[in-house]
């Protein structure tokens, strides 16, 4: 990619805007690549997308423990969006766990989400979490920056959850926590972490009504003391497999999207830039960044997220700073 001319790169981006899936995959792979020589190219691509694309994506986070039906729910909701809006384009980014032994990932979510092959308005991408903590991949935000300009809706399915797997809150505009019947013990386990971030709950497999009702009342009582200020958070009763209750969830998501007034990435970029500085340079890097007025100001003064990475990544620049 570094050897390609600017015209060739912009031609690739034009094809992604027309919905060409292979080109979208190629562009995503470029943004998953962390080679420093690609930073300038990424900056040019984002600038071009800002000018050429009318899409500004709404991010929906789908999280929950393995086996609760996140993939099925995500796929069904994505198709519902296409049904009610003939103009909308939808992307699904599914994060799969990487092996702690081999580092490889099965990327099995793709096999659980059934999508029409010839539907050009929907795009699916699996991403290995690369043993990254937080429920997402280390490349999820980088890819999200591209998807934001290519699609109207972006569903991000997390790898699963534990108490600390709450990274999705820094990308998603709204978060659905998916539960299944007889997960009362899990609710108690999760209450200190993940229970604090969702905007709504989905009890999936509601066709198992007797067991599902027990989960519903356990959840209600848990919320009353975990998040008493948010006791009125929506709790949807759904069977994704049978298509029950999906309209209510979609109606909620459309309403949340309509409330969003700031379709920009600045705040998210600031969070991920600071996180990158912390990862690369530790406390010293954070101290330097603070002396520059913080991540938001540093990005603004350098011109863009990518240029900020480029400037800060000059290690001598970091070392020589007094």
Foldseek 3Di string as FASTA:
>chain_A
DLPDDLVVLVVLLVCVLVLPQVSLVVVLVLLLDPDLSCLVVLVVSLVVLVVPFPFAAAEEEEAAAPPLCSLLLVLLLLVVVCVVDVPFAEEEEEEAEADPPPLHTPLCSVVVRDDDPPDSRYYYHYHYLSPDAQQHRLSVVSSVSSVRSRGHYYYYYGHHDAQRNHPVLLPHLAYEYEAEFPCLVVCVRNLNHPVPRHQAYEHEPCVVVVRSVVVVVSNLVSCCPSPVVVSVRYYFYYHSVVGPRSVVVSVVVVVSSVPDDDSDCLSSLQVSLLVVQCVPPNPLSNVVCVVCVGSSNLQVVLPHSSSSCSVSVPVVVSVPDD
